[in-house]
Amino acid sequence: MVDLPDSDKKSGTRQTSWLVGFATLGSVVTGVFALLCGLYAFLSGQWQAAGVCLIASALAFGALANAVLRR
Protein backbone atom coordinates (compact mmCIF):
# COMPACT_ATOMS: atom_id res chain seq x y z
CA MET A 1 0.00 0.00 0.00
CA VAL A 2 1.42 3.37 -1.02
CA ASP A 3 1.62 5.89 1.79
CA LEU A 4 0.13 9.20 0.66
CA PRO A 5 1.09 12.43 2.46
CA ASP A 6 -2.48 13.19 3.59
CA SER A 7 -3.51 9.62 4.40
CA ASP A 8 -4.79 8.64 7.81
CA LYS A 9 -2.81 5.75 9.33
CA LYS A 10 -5.76 4.36 11.30
CA SER A 11 -8.04 4.01 8.27
CA GLY A 12 -5.26 2.19 6.38
CA THR A 13 -4.77 -0.25 9.24
CA ARG A 14 -8.51 -0.80 9.56
CA GLN A 15 -8.81 -1.48 5.82
CA THR A 16 -5.93 -3.94 5.91
CA SER A 17 -7.28 -5.84 8.92
CA TRP A 18 -10.69 -6.13 7.23
CA LEU A 19 -9.03 -7.60 4.16
CA VAL A 20 -7.03 -10.09 6.24
CA GLY A 21 -10.18 -11.16 8.08
CA PHE A 22 -12.06 -11.64 4.83
CA ALA A 23 -9.23 -13.72 3.35
CA THR A 24 -9.05 -15.83 6.52
CA LEU A 25 -12.78 -16.49 6.50
CA GLY A 26 -12.70 -17.41 2.82
CA SER A 27 -9.82 -19.80 3.33
CA VAL A 28 -11.52 -21.53 6.28
CA VAL A 29 -14.83 -21.87 4.42
CA THR A 30 -13.09 -23.24 1.32
CA GLY A 31 -11.01 -25.69 3.36
CA VAL A 32 -13.94 -27.05 5.38
CA PHE A 33 -16.22 -27.33 2.34
CA ALA A 34 -13.54 -29.12 0.30
CA LEU A 35 -12.81 -31.44 3.22
CA LEU A 36 -16.49 -32.39 3.56
CA CYS A 37 -16.84 -32.90 -0.20
CA GLY A 38 -13.69 -35.03 -0.22
CA LEU A 39 -15.04 -37.18 2.60
CA TYR A 40 -18.36 -37.64 0.80
CA ALA A 41 -16.62 -38.52 -2.47
CA PHE A 42 -14.36 -40.98 -0.65
CA LEU A 43 -17.29 -42.72 1.02
CA SER A 44 -19.16 -42.99 -2.29
CA GLY A 45 -16.17 -44.55 -4.06
CA GLN A 46 -15.23 -41.67 -6.36
CA TRP A 47 -11.50 -41.74 -5.77
CA GLN A 48 -10.40 -39.04 -8.23
CA ALA A 49 -12.99 -36.57 -6.97
CA ALA A 50 -11.96 -37.30 -3.39
CA GLY A 51 -8.33 -36.65 -4.26
CA VAL A 52 -9.08 -33.35 -5.98
CA CYS A 53 -11.23 -32.13 -3.07
CA LEU A 54 -8.62 -33.13 -0.50
CA ILE A 55 -5.92 -31.35 -2.50
CA ALA A 56 -8.07 -28.19 -2.54
CA SER A 57 -8.60 -28.49 1.20
CA ALA A 58 -4.89 -28.94 1.84
CA LEU A 59 -4.04 -25.89 -0.29
CA ALA A 60 -6.61 -23.72 1.50
CA PHE A 61 -5.46 -24.74 4.98
CA GLY A 62 -1.80 -24.57 3.95
CA ALA A 63 -2.16 -21.03 2.63
CA LEU A 64 -3.94 -20.04 5.82
CA ALA A 65 -1.23 -21.60 7.99
CA ASN A 66 1.47 -19.90 5.94
CA ALA A 67 -0.20 -16.50 6.35
CA VAL A 68 -0.82 -16.94 10.08
CA LEU A 69 2.56 -18.38 11.04
CA ARG A 70 4.72 -16.11 8.87
CA ARG A 71 6.94 -13.72 10.85
C-alpha atoms as a PDB file:
ATOM      1  CA  MET A   1       0.000   0.000   0.000  1.00  0.00           C
ATOM      2  CA  VAL A   2       1.416   3.373  -1.019  1.00  0.00           C
ATOM      3  CA  ASP A   3       1.625   5.894   1.792  1.00  0.00           C
ATOM      4  CA  LEU A   4       0.132   9.201   0.659  1.00  0.00           C
ATOM      5  CA  PRO A   5       1.094  12.425   2.462  1.00  0.00           C
ATOM      6  CA  ASP A   6      -2.479  13.192   3.590  1.00  0.00           C
ATOM      7  CA  SER A   7      -3.506   9.615   4.400  1.00  0.00           C
ATOM      8  CA  ASP A   8      -4.786   8.643   7.811  1.00  0.00           C
ATOM      9  CA  LYS A   9      -2.805   5.748   9.333  1.00  0.00           C
ATOM     10  CA  LYS A  10      -5.761   4.362  11.299  1.00  0.00           C
ATOM     11  CA  SER A  11      -8.043   4.006   8.268  1.00  0.00           C
ATOM     12  CA  GLY A  12      -5.261   2.192   6.379  1.00  0.00           C
ATOM     13  CA  THR A  13      -4.770  -0.249   9.238  1.00  0.00           C
ATOM     14  CA  ARG A  14      -8.510  -0.799   9.564  1.00  0.00           C
ATOM     15  CA  GLN A  15      -8.814  -1.480   5.819  1.00  0.00           C
ATOM     16  CA  THR A  16      -5.933  -3.942   5.911  1.00  0.00           C
ATOM     17  CA  SER A  17      -7.281  -5.837   8.923  1.00  0.00           C
ATOM     18  CA  TRP A  18     -10.689  -6.128   7.227  1.00  0.00           C
ATOM     19  CA  LEU A  19      -9.034  -7.597   4.159  1.00  0.00           C
ATOM     20  CA  VAL A  20      -7.035 -10.092   6.242  1.00  0.00           C
ATOM     21  CA  GLY A  21     -10.181 -11.157   8.082  1.00  0.00           C
ATOM     22  CA  PHE A  22     -12.062 -11.636   4.826  1.00  0.00           C
ATOM     23  CA  ALA A  23      -9.227 -13.720   3.351  1.00  0.00           C
ATOM     24  CA  THR A  24      -9.047 -15.833   6.522  1.00  0.00           C
ATOM     25  CA  LEU A  25     -12.784 -16.491   6.498  1.00  0.00           C
ATOM     26  CA  GLY A  26     -12.696 -17.408   2.816  1.00  0.00           C
ATOM     27  CA  SER A  27      -9.820 -19.805   3.334  1.00  0.00           C
ATOM     28  CA  VAL A  28     -11.518 -21.525   6.280  1.00  0.00           C
ATOM     29  CA  VAL A  29     -14.831 -21.872   4.415  1.00  0.00           C
ATOM     30  CA  THR A  30     -13.086 -23.240   1.324  1.00  0.00           C
ATOM     31  CA  GLY A  31     -11.010 -25.692   3.355  1.00  0.00           C
ATOM     32  CA  VAL A  32     -13.938 -27.048   5.376  1.00  0.00           C
ATOM     33  CA  PHE A  33     -16.224 -27.328   2.341  1.00  0.00           C
ATOM     34  CA  ALA A  34     -13.544 -29.119   0.300  1.00  0.00           C
ATOM     35  CA  LEU A  35     -12.812 -31.445   3.221  1.00  0.00           C
ATOM     36  CA  LEU A  36     -16.488 -32.389   3.560  1.00  0.00           C
ATOM     37  CA  CYS A  37     -16.845 -32.900  -0.201  1.00  0.00           C
ATOM     38  CA  GLY A  38     -13.695 -35.033  -0.218  1.00  0.00           C
ATOM     39  CA  LEU A  39     -15.042 -37.181   2.599  1.00  0.00           C
ATOM     40  CA  TYR A  40     -18.361 -37.642   0.801  1.00  0.00           C
ATOM     41  CA  ALA A  41     -16.621 -38.520  -2.466  1.00  0.00           C
ATOM     42  CA  PHE A  42     -14.355 -40.981  -0.648  1.00  0.00           C
ATOM     43  CA  LEU A  43     -17.285 -42.724   1.019  1.00  0.00           C
ATOM     44  CA  SER A  44     -19.165 -42.987  -2.288  1.00  0.00           C
ATOM     45  CA  GLY A  45     -16.167 -44.548  -4.060  1.00  0.00           C
ATOM     46  CA  GLN A  46     -15.226 -41.671  -6.363  1.00  0.00           C
ATOM     47  CA  TRP A  47     -11.502 -41.739  -5.770  1.00  0.00           C
ATOM     48  CA  GLN A  48     -10.402 -39.036  -8.235  1.00  0.00           C
ATOM     49  CA  ALA A  49     -12.994 -36.571  -6.966  1.00  0.00           C
ATOM     50  CA  ALA A  50     -11.964 -37.297  -3.386  1.00  0.00           C
ATOM     51  CA  GLY A  51      -8.326 -36.647  -4.264  1.00  0.00           C
ATOM     52  CA  VAL A  52      -9.079 -33.350  -5.984  1.00  0.00           C
ATOM     53  CA  CYS A  53     -11.229 -32.132  -3.073  1.00  0.00           C
ATOM     54  CA  LEU A  54      -8.624 -33.128  -0.504  1.00  0.00           C
ATOM     55  CA  ILE A  55      -5.918 -31.347  -2.500  1.00  0.00           C
ATOM     56  CA  ALA A  56      -8.073 -28.192  -2.542  1.00  0.00           C
ATOM     57  CA  SER A  57      -8.599 -28.491   1.200  1.00  0.00           C
ATOM     58  CA  ALA A  58      -4.887 -28.940   1.840  1.00  0.00           C
ATOM     59  CA  LEU A  59      -4.043 -25.893  -0.288  1.00  0.00           C
ATOM     60  CA  ALA A  60      -6.605 -23.724   1.501  1.00  0.00           C
ATOM     61  CA  PHE A  61      -5.464 -24.738   4.980  1.00  0.00           C
ATOM     62  CA  GLY A  62      -1.799 -24.570   3.955  1.00  0.00           C
ATOM     63  CA  ALA A  63      -2.159 -21.034   2.626  1.00  0.00           C
ATOM     64  CA  LEU A  64      -3.939 -20.039   5.820  1.00  0.00           C
ATOM     65  CA  ALA A  65      -1.228 -21.599   7.995  1.00  0.00           C
ATOM     66  CA  ASN A  66       1.472 -19.897   5.939  1.00  0.00           C
ATOM     67  CA  ALA A  67      -0.199 -16.504   6.348  1.00  0.00           C
ATOM     68  CA  VAL A  68      -0.822 -16.938  10.080  1.00  0.00           C
ATOM     69  CA  LEU A  69       2.559 -18.382  11.041  1.00  0.00           C
ATOM     70  CA  ARG A  70       4.723 -16.108   8.873  1.00  0.00           C
ATOM     71  CA  ARG A  71       6.935 -13.723  10.845  1.00  0.00           C
END
